[in-house]
PDB file of N, CA and C in Angstrom:
ATOM      1  N   UNK A   1     -20.846 -18.577  15.185  1.00  0.00           N
ATOM      2  CA  UNK A   1     -19.882 -17.900  13.960  1.00  0.00           C
ATOM      3  C   UNK A   1     -18.619 -17.379  14.307  1.00  0.00           C
ATOM      4  N   UNK A   2     -18.342 -16.861  15.559  1.00  0.00           N
ATOM      5  CA  UNK A   2     -16.928 -16.390  15.729  1.00  0.00           C
ATOM      6  C   UNK A   2     -16.221 -17.559  16.073  1.00  0.00           C
ATOM      7  N   UNK A   3     -16.787 -18.655  16.542  1.00  0.00           N
ATOM      8  CA  UNK A   3     -16.071 -19.818  16.878  1.00  0.00           C
ATOM      9  C   UNK A   3     -15.680 -20.794  15.781  1.00  0.00           C
ATOM     10  N   UNK A   4     -16.292 -20.522  14.690  1.00  0.00           N
ATOM     11  CA  UNK A   4     -16.509 -21.293  13.296  1.00  0.00           C
ATOM     12  C   UNK A   4     -14.900 -21.441  13.053  1.00  0.00           C
ATOM     13  N   UNK A   5     -14.349 -22.401  12.486  1.00  0.00           N
ATOM     14  CA  UNK A   5     -12.958 -22.491  11.954  1.00  0.00           C
ATOM     15  C   UNK A   5     -13.056 -21.854  10.622  1.00  0.00           C
ATOM     16  N   UNK A   6     -11.717 -21.275   9.985  1.00  0.00           N
ATOM     17  CA  UNK A   6     -11.643 -20.706   8.942  1.00  0.00           C
ATOM     18  C   UNK A   6     -12.085 -21.243   7.655  1.00  0.00           C
ATOM     19  N   UNK A   7     -11.910 -22.616   7.719  1.00  0.00           N
ATOM     20  CA  UNK A   7     -12.634 -23.472   6.770  1.00  0.00           C
ATOM     21  C   UNK A   7     -14.010 -23.400   6.751  1.00  0.00           C
ATOM     22  N   UNK A   8     -14.602 -23.455   7.801  1.00  0.00           N
ATOM     23  CA  UNK A   8     -16.130 -23.209   7.963  1.00  0.00           C
ATOM     24  C   UNK A   8     -16.676 -22.040   7.468  1.00  0.00           C
ATOM     25  N   UNK A   9     -15.986 -20.666   7.701  1.00  0.00           N
ATOM     26  CA  UNK A   9     -16.262 -19.540   7.296  1.00  0.00           C
ATOM     27  C   UNK A   9     -15.878 -19.210   5.784  1.00  0.00           C
ATOM     28  N   UNK A  10     -14.948 -19.976   5.081  1.00  0.00           N
ATOM     29  CA  UNK A  10     -14.933 -19.853   3.611  1.00  0.00           C
ATOM     30  C   UNK A  10     -15.692 -20.655   2.974  1.00  0.00           C
ATOM     31  N   UNK A  11     -16.371 -21.789   3.662  1.00  0.00           N
ATOM     32  CA  UNK A  11     -17.012 -22.490   2.875  1.00  0.00           C
ATOM     33  C   UNK A  11     -18.822 -21.697   2.921  1.00  0.00           C
ATOM     34  N   UNK A  12     -18.901 -21.006   3.881  1.00  0.00           N
ATOM     35  CA  UNK A  12     -20.164 -20.567   4.018  1.00  0.00           C
ATOM     36  C   UNK A  12     -19.919 -19.368   3.300  1.00  0.00           C
ATOM     37  N   UNK A  13     -19.050 -18.710   3.029  1.00  0.00           N
ATOM     38  CA  UNK A  13     -18.622 -17.339   2.080  1.00  0.00           C
ATOM     39  C   UNK A  13     -19.117 -17.685   0.844  1.00  0.00           C
ATOM     40  N   UNK A  14     -18.078 -18.943   0.264  1.00  0.00           N
ATOM     41  CA  UNK A  14     -18.506 -19.657  -1.330  1.00  0.00           C
ATOM     42  C   UNK A  14     -19.912 -20.007  -1.242  1.00  0.00           C
ATOM     43  N   UNK A  15     -20.856 -20.190  -0.625  1.00  0.00           N
ATOM     44  CA  UNK A  15     -22.051 -20.494  -0.712  1.00  0.00           C
ATOM     45  C   UNK A  15     -22.746 -19.537  -0.591  1.00  0.00           C
ATOM     46  N   UNK A  16     -22.352 -18.009  -0.447  1.00  0.00           N
ATOM     47  CA  UNK A  16     -23.180 -16.971  -0.365  1.00  0.00           C
ATOM     48  C   UNK A  16     -23.453 -16.477   0.718  1.00  0.00           C
ATOM     49  N   UNK A  17     -22.784 -16.664   1.899  1.00  0.00           N
ATOM     50  CA  UNK A  17     -23.193 -16.169   3.284  1.00  0.00           C
ATOM     51  C   UNK A  17     -21.938 -14.990   3.219  1.00  0.00           C
ATOM     52  N   UNK A  18     -22.358 -13.576   2.772  1.00  0.00           N
ATOM     53  CA  UNK A  18     -21.389 -12.530   2.879  1.00  0.00           C
ATOM     54  C   UNK A  18     -21.441 -12.127   4.158  1.00  0.00           C
ATOM     55  N   UNK A  19     -22.044 -12.150   5.177  1.00  0.00           N
ATOM     56  CA  UNK A  19     -21.461 -11.740   6.417  1.00  0.00           C
ATOM     57  C   UNK A  19     -20.753 -12.491   7.210  1.00  0.00           C
ATOM     58  N   UNK A  20     -20.223 -13.484   6.795  1.00  0.00           N
ATOM     59  CA  UNK A  20     -18.998 -14.216   7.554  1.00  0.00           C
ATOM     60  C   UNK A  20     -17.659 -13.694   7.028  1.00  0.00           C
ATOM     61  N   UNK A  21     -17.506 -12.930   6.020  1.00  0.00           N
ATOM     62  CA  UNK A  21     -16.367 -12.277   5.396  1.00  0.00           C
ATOM     63  C   UNK A  21     -16.013 -11.198   6.311  1.00  0.00           C
ATOM     64  N   UNK A  22     -16.737 -10.676   7.114  1.00  0.00           N
ATOM     65  CA  UNK A  22     -16.368  -9.596   8.248  1.00  0.00           C
ATOM     66  C   UNK A  22     -15.575 -10.412   9.225  1.00  0.00           C
ATOM     67  N   UNK A  23     -15.773 -11.770   9.618  1.00  0.00           N
ATOM     68  CA  UNK A  23     -15.012 -12.625  10.650  1.00  0.00           C
ATOM     69  C   UNK A  23     -13.596 -12.629  10.094  1.00  0.00           C
ATOM     70  N   UNK A  24     -13.807 -13.065   8.689  1.00  0.00           N
ATOM     71  CA  UNK A  24     -12.340 -13.449   8.230  1.00  0.00           C
ATOM     72  C   UNK A  24     -11.573 -12.261   8.036  1.00  0.00           C
ATOM     73  N   UNK A  25     -12.226 -11.188   7.753  1.00  0.00           N
ATOM     74  CA  UNK A  25     -11.460  -9.648   7.958  1.00  0.00           C
ATOM     75  C   UNK A  25     -11.013  -9.316   9.043  1.00  0.00           C
ATOM     76  N   UNK A  26     -11.625  -9.526  10.289  1.00  0.00           N
ATOM     77  CA  UNK A  26     -11.227  -9.073  11.417  1.00  0.00           C
ATOM     78  C   UNK A  26     -10.221 -10.327  11.906  1.00  0.00           C
ATOM     79  N   UNK A  27     -10.041 -11.416  11.721  1.00  0.00           N
ATOM     80  CA  UNK A  27      -9.202 -12.521  12.017  1.00  0.00           C
ATOM     81  C   UNK A  27      -7.666 -12.102  11.450  1.00  0.00           C
ATOM     82  N   UNK A  28      -7.908 -11.439  10.123  1.00  0.00           N
ATOM     83  CA  UNK A  28      -6.431 -11.344   9.238  1.00  0.00           C
ATOM     84  C   UNK A  28      -6.367 -10.195   8.989  1.00  0.00           C
ATOM     85  N   UNK A  29      -6.943  -9.216   9.177  1.00  0.00           N
ATOM     86  CA  UNK A  29      -6.761  -7.642   8.891  1.00  0.00           C
ATOM     87  C   UNK A  29      -5.201  -7.252   9.270  1.00  0.00           C
ATOM     88  N   UNK A  30      -4.998  -7.566  10.601  1.00  0.00           N
ATOM     89  CA  UNK A  30      -3.519  -6.995  11.109  1.00  0.00           C
ATOM     90  C   UNK A  30      -2.631  -7.601  10.579  1.00  0.00           C
ATOM     91  N   UNK A  31      -2.692  -8.944  10.396  1.00  0.00           N
ATOM     92  CA  UNK A  31      -1.601  -9.891  10.004  1.00  0.00           C
ATOM     93  C   UNK A  31      -0.956  -9.376   8.489  1.00  0.00           C
ATOM     94  N   UNK A  32      -2.240  -9.156   7.737  1.00  0.00           N
ATOM     95  CA  UNK A  32      -2.069  -9.027   6.273  1.00  0.00           C
ATOM     96  C   UNK A  32      -1.387  -7.534   6.087  1.00  0.00           C
ATOM     97  N   UNK A  33      -1.876  -6.798   7.019  1.00  0.00           N
ATOM     98  CA  UNK A  33      -1.450  -5.159   6.951  1.00  0.00           C
ATOM     99  C   UNK A  33       0.146  -5.375   7.566  1.00  0.00           C
ATOM    100  N   UNK A  34       0.169  -6.066   8.437  1.00  0.00           N
ATOM    101  CA  UNK A  34       1.582  -5.954   8.818  1.00  0.00           C
ATOM    102  C   UNK A  34       2.605  -6.596   7.875  1.00  0.00           C
ATOM    103  N   UNK A  35       2.328  -7.554   7.149  1.00  0.00           N
ATOM    104  CA  UNK A  35       3.130  -8.412   6.338  1.00  0.00           C
ATOM    105  C   UNK A  35       3.266  -7.365   4.956  1.00  0.00           C
ATOM    106  N   UNK A  36       2.276  -6.509   4.843  1.00  0.00           N
ATOM    107  CA  UNK A  36       2.456  -5.557   3.494  1.00  0.00           C
ATOM    108  C   UNK A  36       3.231  -4.474   3.833  1.00  0.00           C
ATOM    109  N   UNK A  37       3.058  -3.755   5.077  1.00  0.00           N
ATOM    110  CA  UNK A  37       3.831  -2.870   5.507  1.00  0.00           C
ATOM    111  C   UNK A  37       5.142  -3.348   5.643  1.00  0.00           C
ATOM    112  N   UNK A  38       5.433  -4.370   5.997  1.00  0.00           N
ATOM    113  CA  UNK A  38       7.080  -4.850   6.093  1.00  0.00           C
ATOM    114  C   UNK A  38       7.820  -4.769   4.596  1.00  0.00           C
ATOM    115  N   UNK A  39       7.001  -4.842   3.682  1.00  0.00           N
ATOM    116  CA  UNK A  39       7.430  -4.683   2.286  1.00  0.00           C
ATOM    117  C   UNK A  39       7.444  -3.125   1.820  1.00  0.00           C
ATOM    118  N   UNK A  40       6.218  -2.651   2.011  1.00  0.00           N
ATOM    119  CA  UNK A  40       6.046  -1.454   1.518  1.00  0.00           C
ATOM    120  C   UNK A  40       6.846  -0.379   2.206  1.00  0.00           C
ATOM    121  N   UNK A  41       6.376  -0.222   3.559  1.00  0.00           N
ATOM    122  CA  UNK A  41       7.193   0.464   4.515  1.00  0.00           C
ATOM    123  C   UNK A  41       6.535   2.180   4.489  1.00  0.00           C
ATOM    124  N   UNK A  42       5.206   2.018   4.216  1.00  0.00           N
ATOM    125  CA  UNK A  42       4.496   3.050   3.981  1.00  0.00           C
ATOM    126  C   UNK A  42       2.982   2.812   4.655  1.00  0.00           C
ATOM    127  N   UNK A  43       2.526   3.387   5.668  1.00  0.00           N
ATOM    128  CA  UNK A  43       1.460   2.943   6.242  1.00  0.00           C
ATOM    129  C   UNK A  43       0.214   3.107   5.502  1.00  0.00           C
ATOM    130  N   UNK A  44       0.292   4.403   4.860  1.00  0.00           N
ATOM    131  CA  UNK A  44      -1.179   4.679   3.876  1.00  0.00           C
ATOM    132  C   UNK A  44      -0.776   3.970   2.669  1.00  0.00           C
ATOM    133  N   UNK A  45       0.022   3.534   2.119  1.00  0.00           N
ATOM    134  CA  UNK A  45       0.050   2.650   0.934  1.00  0.00           C
ATOM    135  C   UNK A  45      -0.064   1.174   1.524  1.00  0.00           C
ATOM    136  N   UNK A  46       0.232   0.662   2.446  1.00  0.00           N
ATOM    137  CA  UNK A  46      -0.003  -0.690   3.191  1.00  0.00           C
ATOM    138  C   UNK A  46      -1.379  -0.790   3.414  1.00  0.00           C
ATOM    139  N   UNK A  47      -1.993   0.162   3.808  1.00  0.00           N
ATOM    140  CA  UNK A  47      -3.506   0.081   4.172  1.00  0.00           C
ATOM    141  C   UNK A  47      -4.241  -0.262   3.045  1.00  0.00           C
ATOM    142  N   UNK A  48      -3.888   0.683   1.712  1.00  0.00           N
ATOM    143  CA  UNK A  48      -4.619   0.797   0.656  1.00  0.00           C
ATOM    144  C   UNK A  48      -4.471  -0.541   0.182  1.00  0.00           C
ATOM    145  N   UNK A  49      -3.205  -1.113   0.087  1.00  0.00           N
ATOM    146  CA  UNK A  49      -2.911  -2.589  -0.558  1.00  0.00           C
ATOM    147  C   UNK A  49      -3.983  -3.349   0.267  1.00  0.00           C
ATOM    148  N   UNK A  50      -3.850  -3.580   1.754  1.00  0.00           N
ATOM    149  CA  UNK A  50      -4.554  -4.377   2.381  1.00  0.00           C
ATOM    150  C   UNK A  50      -5.929  -4.499   2.018  1.00  0.00           C
ATOM    151  N   UNK A  51      -6.682  -3.302   1.920  1.00  0.00           N
ATOM    152  CA  UNK A  51      -8.046  -3.307   1.332  1.00  0.00           C
ATOM    153  C   UNK A  51      -8.082  -3.693   0.023  1.00  0.00           C
ATOM    154  N   UNK A  52      -7.458  -3.435  -0.867  1.00  0.00           N
ATOM    155  CA  UNK A  52      -7.397  -4.001  -2.125  1.00  0.00           C
ATOM    156  C   UNK A  52      -7.302  -5.830  -2.249  1.00  0.00           C
ATOM    157  N   UNK A  53      -6.659  -6.238  -1.077  1.00  0.00           N
ATOM    158  CA  UNK A  53      -6.409  -7.670  -1.256  1.00  0.00           C
ATOM    159  C   UNK A  53      -7.836  -8.196  -0.614  1.00  0.00           C
ATOM    160  N   UNK A  54      -8.568  -7.776   0.528  1.00  0.00           N
ATOM    161  CA  UNK A  54      -9.758  -7.909   0.837  1.00  0.00           C
ATOM    162  C   UNK A  54     -10.925  -7.906  -0.150  1.00  0.00           C
ATOM    163  N   UNK A  55     -10.845  -6.663  -0.785  1.00  0.00           N
ATOM    164  CA  UNK A  55     -11.668  -6.679  -1.797  1.00  0.00           C
ATOM    165  C   UNK A  55     -11.576  -7.597  -3.183  1.00  0.00           C
ATOM    166  N   UNK A  56     -10.456  -7.694  -3.287  1.00  0.00           N
ATOM    167  CA  UNK A  56      -9.973  -9.119  -4.359  1.00  0.00           C
ATOM    168  C   UNK A  56     -10.751 -10.422  -3.812  1.00  0.00           C
ATOM    169  N   UNK A  57     -10.486 -10.786  -2.443  1.00  0.00           N
ATOM    170  CA  UNK A  57     -10.910 -12.041  -1.818  1.00  0.00           C
ATOM    171  C   UNK A  57     -12.401 -11.837  -2.097  1.00  0.00           C
ATOM    172  N   UNK A  58     -12.923 -10.766  -1.546  1.00  0.00           N
ATOM    173  CA  UNK A  58     -14.555 -10.818  -1.517  1.00  0.00           C
ATOM    174  C   UNK A  58     -14.847 -10.878  -2.919  1.00  0.00           C
ATOM    175  N   UNK A  59     -14.351 -10.116  -3.839  1.00  0.00           N
ATOM    176  CA  UNK A  59     -14.916 -10.413  -5.510  1.00  0.00           C
ATOM    177  C   UNK A  59     -14.593 -11.475  -5.886  1.00  0.00           C
ATOM    178  N   UNK A  60     -13.832 -12.569  -5.515  1.00  0.00           N
ATOM    179  CA  UNK A  60     -13.613 -13.828  -5.911  1.00  0.00           C
ATOM    180  C   UNK A  60     -14.020 -14.596  -5.413  1.00  0.00           C
ATOM    181  N   UNK A  61     -15.021 -14.199  -4.296  1.00  0.00           N
ATOM    182  CA  UNK A  61     -15.713 -15.151  -3.545  1.00  0.00           C
ATOM    183  C   UNK A  61     -15.001 -16.467  -3.138  1.00  0.00           C
ATOM    184  N   UNK A  62     -13.651 -16.005  -2.879  1.00  0.00           N
ATOM    185  CA  UNK A  62     -12.713 -17.178  -2.189  1.00  0.00           C
ATOM    186  C   UNK A  62     -12.495 -18.120  -3.162  1.00  0.00           C
ATOM    187  N   UNK A  63     -12.689 -18.009  -4.602  1.00  0.00           N
ATOM    188  CA  UNK A  63     -12.334 -18.986  -5.693  1.00  0.00           C
ATOM    189  C   UNK A  63     -10.635 -18.970  -5.437  1.00  0.00           C
ATOM    190  N   UNK A  64     -10.162 -20.124  -5.724  1.00  0.00           N
ATOM    191  CA  UNK A  64      -8.983 -19.939  -5.787  1.00  0.00           C
ATOM    192  C   UNK A  64      -8.183 -20.575  -4.334  1.00  0.00           C
ATOM    193  N   UNK A  65      -8.823 -20.610  -3.498  1.00  0.00           N
ATOM    194  CA  UNK A  65      -8.525 -21.088  -2.090  1.00  0.00           C
ATOM    195  C   UNK A  65      -8.843 -22.601  -2.075  1.00  0.00           C
ATOM    196  N   UNK A  66      -7.414 -23.110  -1.608  1.00  0.00           N
ATOM    197  CA  UNK A  66      -7.667 -24.656  -1.594  1.00  0.00           C
ATOM    198  C   UNK A  66      -7.393 -25.016  -0.203  1.00  0.00           C
ATOM    199  N   UNK A  67      -8.441 -26.051   0.171  1.00  0.00           N
ATOM    200  CA  UNK A  67      -8.467 -26.693   1.283  1.00  0.00           C
ATOM    201  C   UNK A  67      -7.081 -27.208   1.752  1.00  0.00           C
ATOM    202  N   UNK A  68      -6.596 -27.268   2.802  1.00  0.00           N
ATOM    203  CA  UNK A  68      -5.346 -27.539   3.056  1.00  0.00           C
ATOM    204  C   UNK A  68      -4.173 -26.364   3.319  1.00  0.00           C
ATOM    205  N   UNK A  69      -4.513 -25.247   2.496  1.00  0.00           N
ATOM    206  CA  UNK A  69      -3.630 -24.085   2.851  1.00  0.00           C
ATOM    207  C   UNK A  69      -4.199 -23.341   3.933  1.00  0.00           C
ATOM    208  N   UNK A  70      -3.350 -22.417   4.234  1.00  0.00           N
ATOM    209  CA  UNK A  70      -3.939 -21.503   5.131  1.00  0.00           C
ATOM    210  C   UNK A  70      -4.532 -20.339   4.579  1.00  0.00           C
ATOM    211  N   UNK A  71      -5.509 -19.674   5.250  1.00  0.00           N
ATOM    212  CA  UNK A  71      -6.304 -18.204   4.853  1.00  0.00           C
ATOM    213  C   UNK A  71      -5.422 -17.330   4.393  1.00  0.00           C
ATOM    214  N   UNK A  72      -4.412 -17.132   5.586  1.00  0.00           N
ATOM    215  CA  UNK A  72      -3.288 -16.152   5.482  1.00  0.00           C
ATOM    216  C   UNK A  72      -2.585 -16.240   4.276  1.00  0.00           C
ATOM    217  N   UNK A  73      -2.103 -17.277   4.141  1.00  0.00           N
ATOM    218  CA  UNK A  73      -1.332 -17.670   2.957  1.00  0.00           C
ATOM    219  C   UNK A  73      -2.056 -17.195   1.347  1.00  0.00           C
ATOM    220  N   UNK A  74      -3.245 -17.641   1.380  1.00  0.00           N
ATOM    221  CA  UNK A  74      -3.990 -17.350   0.530  1.00  0.00           C
ATOM    222  C   UNK A  74      -4.079 -15.730   0.290  1.00  0.00           C
ATOM    223  N   UNK A  75      -4.449 -15.196   1.374  1.00  0.00           N
ATOM    224  CA  UNK A  75      -4.648 -13.793   1.128  1.00  0.00           C
ATOM    225  C   UNK A  75      -3.589 -12.924   0.930  1.00  0.00           C
ATOM    226  N   UNK A  76      -2.464 -13.441   1.303  1.00  0.00           N
ATOM    227  CA  UNK A  76      -1.118 -12.984   1.582  1.00  0.00           C
ATOM    228  C   UNK A  76      -0.701 -12.977  -0.174  1.00  0.00           C
ATOM    229  N   UNK A  77      -0.852 -14.099  -0.814  1.00  0.00           N
ATOM    230  CA  UNK A  77      -0.677 -14.432  -2.242  1.00  0.00           C
ATOM    231  C   UNK A  77      -1.717 -13.311  -3.013  1.00  0.00           C
ATOM    232  N   UNK A  78      -2.721 -12.996  -2.544  1.00  0.00           N
ATOM    233  CA  UNK A  78      -3.484 -12.172  -3.199  1.00  0.00           C
ATOM    234  C   UNK A  78      -2.858 -10.924  -3.543  1.00  0.00           C
ATOM    235  N   UNK A  79      -2.104 -10.139  -2.589  1.00  0.00           N
ATOM    236  CA  UNK A  79      -1.364  -8.894  -2.829  1.00  0.00           C
ATOM    237  C   UNK A  79      -0.395  -8.674  -3.530  1.00  0.00           C
ATOM    238  N   UNK A  80      -0.019  -9.966  -4.261  1.00  0.00           N
ATOM    239  CA  UNK A  80       0.830  -9.942  -5.448  1.00  0.00           C
ATOM    240  C   UNK A  80       0.107  -9.774  -6.763  1.00  0.00           C
ATOM    241  N   UNK A  81      -1.382  -9.924  -6.863  1.00  0.00           N
ATOM    242  CA  UNK A  81      -2.180  -9.738  -7.828  1.00  0.00           C
ATOM    243  C   UNK A  81      -2.827  -8.571  -7.777  1.00  0.00           C
ATOM    244  N   UNK A  82      -2.958  -7.677  -6.993  1.00  0.00           N
ATOM    245  CA  UNK A  82      -3.586  -6.569  -6.920  1.00  0.00           C
ATOM    246  C   UNK A  82      -2.904  -5.503  -7.472  1.00  0.00           C
TER     247      UNK A  82
END
């Protein structure tokens, strides 16, 4: 599992394997938080927004993710709609 590619994890998640979402979270939470923090400059608000991004990704079940794009880019774009 930990050795699976991002695409493999997304595909598994889309098929209903919710536990792999934790792996995606662990891979990207720091980068997403850092990107949001650079914009917001408030650690608490950045943390809240990061959590909202991952909640949105979980709720969407990764709908809207298009193969060929990076998971990071897709997650980062989600922050603009939270």
